Amino acid sequence: MEKKILVLGAGMVGGAMALDLSKDERFEVTVVDYNAEALAKVAAAGKVQVLHRDLKDPATVRELAGAFDMVVNAVPGFMGFQTFKAVIQAGRDIVDISFFIEDPFTADEMAREQNVTAVMDCGVAPGMCNVLIGDAHHLLDTTENVVYYVGGLPELREWPYEYKAVFSPVDVLEEYTRPARFIVGGTTVVKPALSDPELMNFPGVGTLEAFNTDGLRSFTGNRFLFKGGGHCWRSQDTSYRSYFQPAVPELEIHRK
């Protein structure tokens, strides 16, 4: 018997995941979005059913989720958490890749009450990188330290930003503006996005720039996001500051 899977969001990531899932004969996949053009593109590319709905309404999400066995949440981050909670309230297991700022663990009690398994931040990084690190850890005798780098590198680097948006542009901007949370010496530290820039050279690729972002907020780790050299400086230039760099809090240190 096929398992019915609902994918919320038909964007660059949600659409791709729906198509990948549809290649497995065990799954019957439906993708939902408000963007009719995005839905048509996914429907034309594979064996995927599509529904045109406005997912901003949690009641709509609960109703939709209730008719499926499992849900994948791929909506933009600004509506991610309310969608995440609505699926849990519907009593359906969920895998979430939306980049919402809220603490997903505040929904833990609700998930337990509903007997729901909710896996959040399950994209590329965080997500696949954590799975690969975990697999490597089990293969090794001991693991002392893990470092990984992630970013969006275009095939052709062009000014002014030399960057390729590989997911929702709205959430790409969040990488530049949301305070970055990570752990230093067992203490949670918050720094502005784009702080602590450094240049790193990769043979065959060139010099790239790394800086702090909030990409691992559920793991409370430190993530460097790579761009072309000078990208951080250009993003913080005063001509772009009102768009890319709103006010961020001063450095805060939270003791456990």
Protein backbone atom coordinates (compact mmCIF):
# COMPACT_ATOMS: atom_id res chain seq x y z
CA MET A 1 0.00 0.00 0.00
CA GLU A 2 1.36 3.41 -1.00
CA LYS A 3 2.11 5.94 1.71
CA LYS A 4 0.51 9.32 1.01
CA ILE A 5 2.99 12.18 1.40
CA LEU A 6 2.08 15.86 1.39
CA VAL A 7 4.76 18.43 0.46
CA LEU A 8 3.92 21.96 1.57
CA GLY A 9 5.59 24.36 -0.85
CA ALA A 10 6.53 23.89 -4.51
CA GLY A 11 9.55 26.18 -4.60
CA MET A 12 13.16 25.41 -5.53
CA VAL A 13 13.53 22.93 -2.66
CA GLY A 14 9.97 21.72 -2.05
CA GLY A 15 9.37 21.03 -5.74
CA ALA A 16 12.62 19.09 -6.05
CA MET A 17 11.84 16.98 -2.98
CA ALA A 18 8.35 16.20 -4.27
CA LEU A 19 9.81 14.99 -7.57
CA ASP A 20 12.44 12.87 -5.82
CA LEU A 21 9.84 11.27 -3.55
CA SER A 22 7.56 10.55 -6.52
CA LYS A 23 10.23 8.30 -8.05
CA ASP A 24 9.74 5.85 -5.20
CA GLU A 25 6.85 3.49 -5.96
CA ARG A 26 6.01 3.28 -2.26
CA PHE A 27 4.89 6.92 -2.18
CA GLU A 28 1.92 8.82 -3.55
CA VAL A 29 3.04 12.46 -3.54
CA THR A 30 0.98 15.63 -3.50
CA VAL A 31 2.47 19.12 -3.43
CA VAL A 32 0.57 22.23 -2.32
CA ASP A 33 1.34 25.86 -3.08
CA TYR A 34 -0.34 29.20 -3.76
CA ASN A 35 1.88 29.76 -6.80
CA ALA A 36 0.08 28.17 -9.75
CA GLU A 37 3.13 28.56 -12.00
CA ALA A 38 5.34 26.63 -9.58
CA LEU A 39 2.72 23.88 -9.31
CA ALA A 40 2.47 23.56 -13.08
CA LYS A 41 6.24 23.25 -13.36
CA VAL A 42 6.36 20.41 -10.83
CA ALA A 43 3.35 18.62 -12.36
CA ALA A 44 4.98 18.71 -15.80
CA ALA A 45 8.23 17.27 -14.49
CA GLY A 46 7.02 14.12 -12.75
CA LYS A 47 4.30 11.94 -11.28
CA VAL A 48 3.11 14.42 -8.66
CA GLN A 49 -0.40 15.56 -7.82
CA VAL A 50 -0.82 19.27 -7.14
CA LEU A 51 -3.21 21.36 -5.05
CA HIS A 52 -3.65 25.12 -5.23
CA ARG A 53 -4.11 26.39 -1.68
CA ASP A 54 -3.05 29.32 0.51
CA LEU A 55 -0.91 27.79 3.26
CA LYS A 56 -0.78 30.95 5.39
CA ASP A 57 -3.93 29.77 7.20
CA PRO A 58 -3.06 27.12 9.85
CA ALA A 59 -6.62 25.75 9.63
CA THR A 60 -6.06 24.98 5.95
CA VAL A 61 -2.80 23.24 6.79
CA ARG A 62 -4.43 21.12 9.50
CA GLU A 63 -7.22 20.08 7.15
CA LEU A 64 -4.80 19.15 4.36
CA ALA A 65 -2.35 17.32 6.62
CA GLY A 66 -5.08 15.18 8.14
CA ALA A 67 -5.66 13.44 4.80
CA PHE A 68 -2.04 12.25 4.46
CA ASP A 69 0.31 9.85 6.21
CA MET A 70 3.30 12.19 6.40
CA VAL A 71 4.10 15.83 5.69
CA VAL A 72 7.18 17.65 4.39
CA ASN A 73 7.22 21.35 5.31
CA ALA A 74 9.03 23.46 2.70
CA VAL A 75 7.32 26.83 3.09
CA PRO A 76 9.30 30.08 3.58
CA GLY A 77 10.68 30.66 7.07
CA PHE A 78 8.32 33.49 8.02
CA MET A 79 5.39 31.05 7.97
CA GLY A 80 7.38 27.93 8.85
CA PHE A 81 6.70 27.62 12.58
CA GLN A 82 2.94 28.12 12.42
CA THR A 83 2.82 25.53 9.63
CA PHE A 84 5.04 23.19 11.65
CA LYS A 85 2.68 23.42 14.63
CA ALA A 86 -0.45 23.02 12.49
CA VAL A 87 0.83 19.71 11.10
CA ILE A 88 1.61 18.46 14.61
CA GLN A 89 -1.88 19.50 15.74
CA ALA A 90 -3.25 17.41 12.88
CA GLY A 91 -1.45 14.40 14.36
CA ARG A 92 0.84 13.80 11.38
CA ASP A 93 4.57 13.09 11.32
CA ILE A 94 6.56 15.89 9.74
CA VAL A 95 9.97 16.54 8.23
CA ASP A 96 10.67 20.28 8.20
CA ILE A 97 13.19 22.28 6.17
CA SER A 98 11.71 25.76 6.65
CA PHE A 99 14.14 28.28 8.12
CA PHE A 100 11.99 29.74 10.90
CA ILE A 101 13.51 31.77 13.74
CA GLU A 102 11.32 30.33 16.54
CA ASP A 103 12.56 27.59 18.87
CA PRO A 104 11.12 24.33 17.48
CA PHE A 105 11.55 22.59 20.84
CA THR A 106 8.69 24.67 22.26
CA ALA A 107 6.45 22.32 20.25
CA ASP A 108 7.94 19.23 21.90
CA GLU A 109 5.13 18.75 24.43
CA MET A 110 2.51 19.13 21.72
CA ALA A 111 4.26 16.55 19.55
CA ARG A 112 4.43 14.09 22.43
CA GLU A 113 0.74 14.56 23.19
CA GLN A 114 -0.12 13.90 19.55
CA ASN A 115 2.34 10.97 19.33
CA VAL A 116 4.01 12.73 16.40
CA THR A 117 7.59 12.45 15.17
CA ALA A 118 8.79 15.88 14.06
CA VAL A 119 12.20 16.20 12.42
CA MET A 120 13.15 19.86 11.95
CA ASP A 121 15.97 21.58 10.10
CA CYS A 122 16.32 18.62 7.74
CA GLY A 123 17.66 20.36 4.66
CA VAL A 124 21.25 20.37 3.41
CA ALA A 125 22.91 22.24 6.28
CA PRO A 126 21.58 21.68 8.83
CA GLY A 127 20.16 18.35 7.76
CA MET A 128 22.14 16.16 5.39
CA CYS A 129 25.43 17.34 6.88
CA ASN A 130 24.30 16.15 10.33
CA VAL A 131 23.38 12.73 8.90
CA LEU A 132 26.76 12.42 7.18
CA ILE A 133 28.61 13.52 10.33
CA GLY A 134 26.63 11.02 12.41
CA ASP A 135 27.42 8.24 9.96
CA ALA A 136 31.14 9.11 10.03
CA HIS A 137 31.08 9.21 13.83
CA HIS A 138 29.74 5.64 13.99
CA LEU A 139 32.43 4.44 11.58
CA LEU A 140 35.27 5.95 13.63
CA ASP A 141 36.65 4.73 16.96
CA THR A 142 36.41 8.23 18.43
CA THR A 143 35.36 11.67 17.18
CA GLU A 144 37.14 14.68 18.67
CA ASN A 145 36.18 17.50 16.35
CA VAL A 146 33.96 18.11 13.33
CA VAL A 147 34.22 21.05 10.93
CA TYR A 148 32.19 21.52 7.77
CA TYR A 149 31.64 24.40 5.37
CA VAL A 150 28.56 25.22 3.32
CA GLY A 151 27.44 27.91 0.92
CA GLY A 152 25.88 28.76 -2.43
CA LEU A 153 28.48 28.97 -5.17
CA PRO A 154 27.37 29.95 -8.67
CA GLU A 155 28.96 28.33 -11.70
CA LEU A 156 29.89 31.84 -12.87
CA ARG A 157 30.73 34.34 -10.13
CA GLU A 158 29.36 37.78 -10.99
CA TRP A 159 29.40 41.08 -9.13
CA PRO A 160 28.19 42.48 -6.89
CA TYR A 161 27.46 39.42 -4.69
CA GLU A 162 28.95 36.43 -6.51
CA TYR A 163 26.28 34.21 -4.97
CA LYS A 164 23.70 31.67 -6.12
CA ALA A 165 20.40 31.57 -4.20
CA VAL A 166 19.69 27.85 -3.85
CA PHE A 167 16.58 28.27 -1.70
CA SER A 168 13.91 30.89 -0.96
CA PRO A 169 15.38 34.40 -1.47
CA VAL A 170 13.40 35.58 1.56
CA ASP A 171 15.28 33.08 3.72
CA VAL A 172 18.59 33.86 2.02
CA LEU A 173 18.16 37.41 3.34
CA GLU A 174 17.55 35.95 6.80
CA GLU A 175 21.09 34.55 6.67
CA TYR A 176 22.36 38.13 6.35
CA THR A 177 20.23 39.71 9.04
CA ARG A 178 19.33 37.21 11.76
CA PRO A 179 21.68 37.18 14.79
CA ALA A 180 23.86 34.05 14.74
CA ARG A 181 23.66 31.66 17.69
CA PHE A 182 26.43 29.19 18.47
CA ILE A 183 28.33 27.60 21.35
CA VAL A 184 31.80 28.58 22.53
CA GLY A 185 33.29 26.66 25.46
CA GLY A 186 29.89 25.34 26.50
CA THR A 187 28.32 28.81 26.51
CA THR A 188 25.67 29.98 24.04
CA VAL A 189 26.83 33.15 22.27
CA VAL A 190 24.88 35.48 19.98
CA LYS A 191 26.69 37.60 17.39
CA PRO A 192 25.51 39.72 14.46
CA ALA A 193 25.15 38.02 11.11
CA LEU A 194 28.20 38.53 8.84
CA SER A 195 30.49 38.91 11.86
CA ASP A 196 34.02 37.44 12.15
CA PRO A 197 34.70 37.36 8.38
CA GLU A 198 37.69 35.41 7.12
CA LEU A 199 39.12 34.49 3.71
CA MET A 200 39.80 30.87 2.77
CA ASN A 201 41.39 29.54 -0.39
CA PHE A 202 40.25 26.37 -2.17
CA PRO A 203 42.35 25.02 -5.06
CA GLY A 204 40.39 25.11 -8.30
CA VAL A 205 37.73 27.38 -6.80
CA GLY A 206 39.59 30.40 -5.52
CA THR A 207 39.34 32.63 -2.48
CA LEU A 208 36.00 32.57 -0.66
CA GLU A 209 34.73 34.53 2.30
CA ALA A 210 33.33 32.93 5.45
CA PHE A 211 31.30 34.54 8.21
CA ASN A 212 28.82 33.75 10.97
CA THR A 213 25.18 32.98 10.17
CA ASP A 214 22.31 31.44 12.11
CA GLY A 215 22.09 28.33 9.95
CA LEU A 216 22.44 25.89 12.85
CA ARG A 217 20.12 27.53 15.35
CA SER A 218 18.38 24.28 16.34
CA PHE A 219 21.74 22.60 16.90
CA THR A 220 23.13 25.82 18.40
CA GLY A 221 26.29 25.43 16.37
CA ASN A 222 28.43 27.77 14.31
CA ARG A 223 28.01 27.84 10.58
CA PHE A 224 30.12 29.67 8.05
CA LEU A 225 28.40 30.67 4.83
CA PHE A 226 30.76 31.04 1.88
CA LYS A 227 30.66 33.73 -0.78
CA GLY A 228 33.16 35.37 -3.06
CA GLY A 229 35.86 37.49 -1.44
CA GLY A 230 34.52 40.90 -0.39
CA HIS A 231 30.90 39.68 -0.35
CA CYS A 232 30.47 40.39 3.35
CA TRP A 233 31.76 43.95 2.96
CA ARG A 234 29.52 44.64 -0.04
CA SER A 235 26.45 43.28 1.75
CA GLN A 236 27.05 45.66 4.65
CA ASP A 237 27.77 48.69 2.47
CA THR A 238 25.63 51.65 3.55
CA SER A 239 23.78 51.70 0.23
CA TYR A 240 22.39 48.25 1.05
CA ARG A 241 22.31 48.40 4.84
CA SER A 242 18.60 49.18 5.13
CA TYR A 243 17.82 46.04 3.11
CA PHE A 244 20.43 43.56 4.20
CA GLN A 245 21.53 44.67 7.65
CA PRO A 246 18.82 45.85 10.08
CA ALA A 247 19.65 46.55 13.69
CA VAL A 248 20.88 43.49 15.59
CA PRO A 249 21.34 43.14 19.34
CA GLU A 250 24.72 43.58 20.96
CA LEU A 251 26.71 40.48 21.84
CA GLU A 252 24.84 38.47 24.44
CA ILE A 253 26.21 35.58 26.46
CA HIS A 254 23.70 33.19 27.99
CA ARG A 255 24.87 30.87 30.74
CA LYS A 256 23.45 27.35 30.91
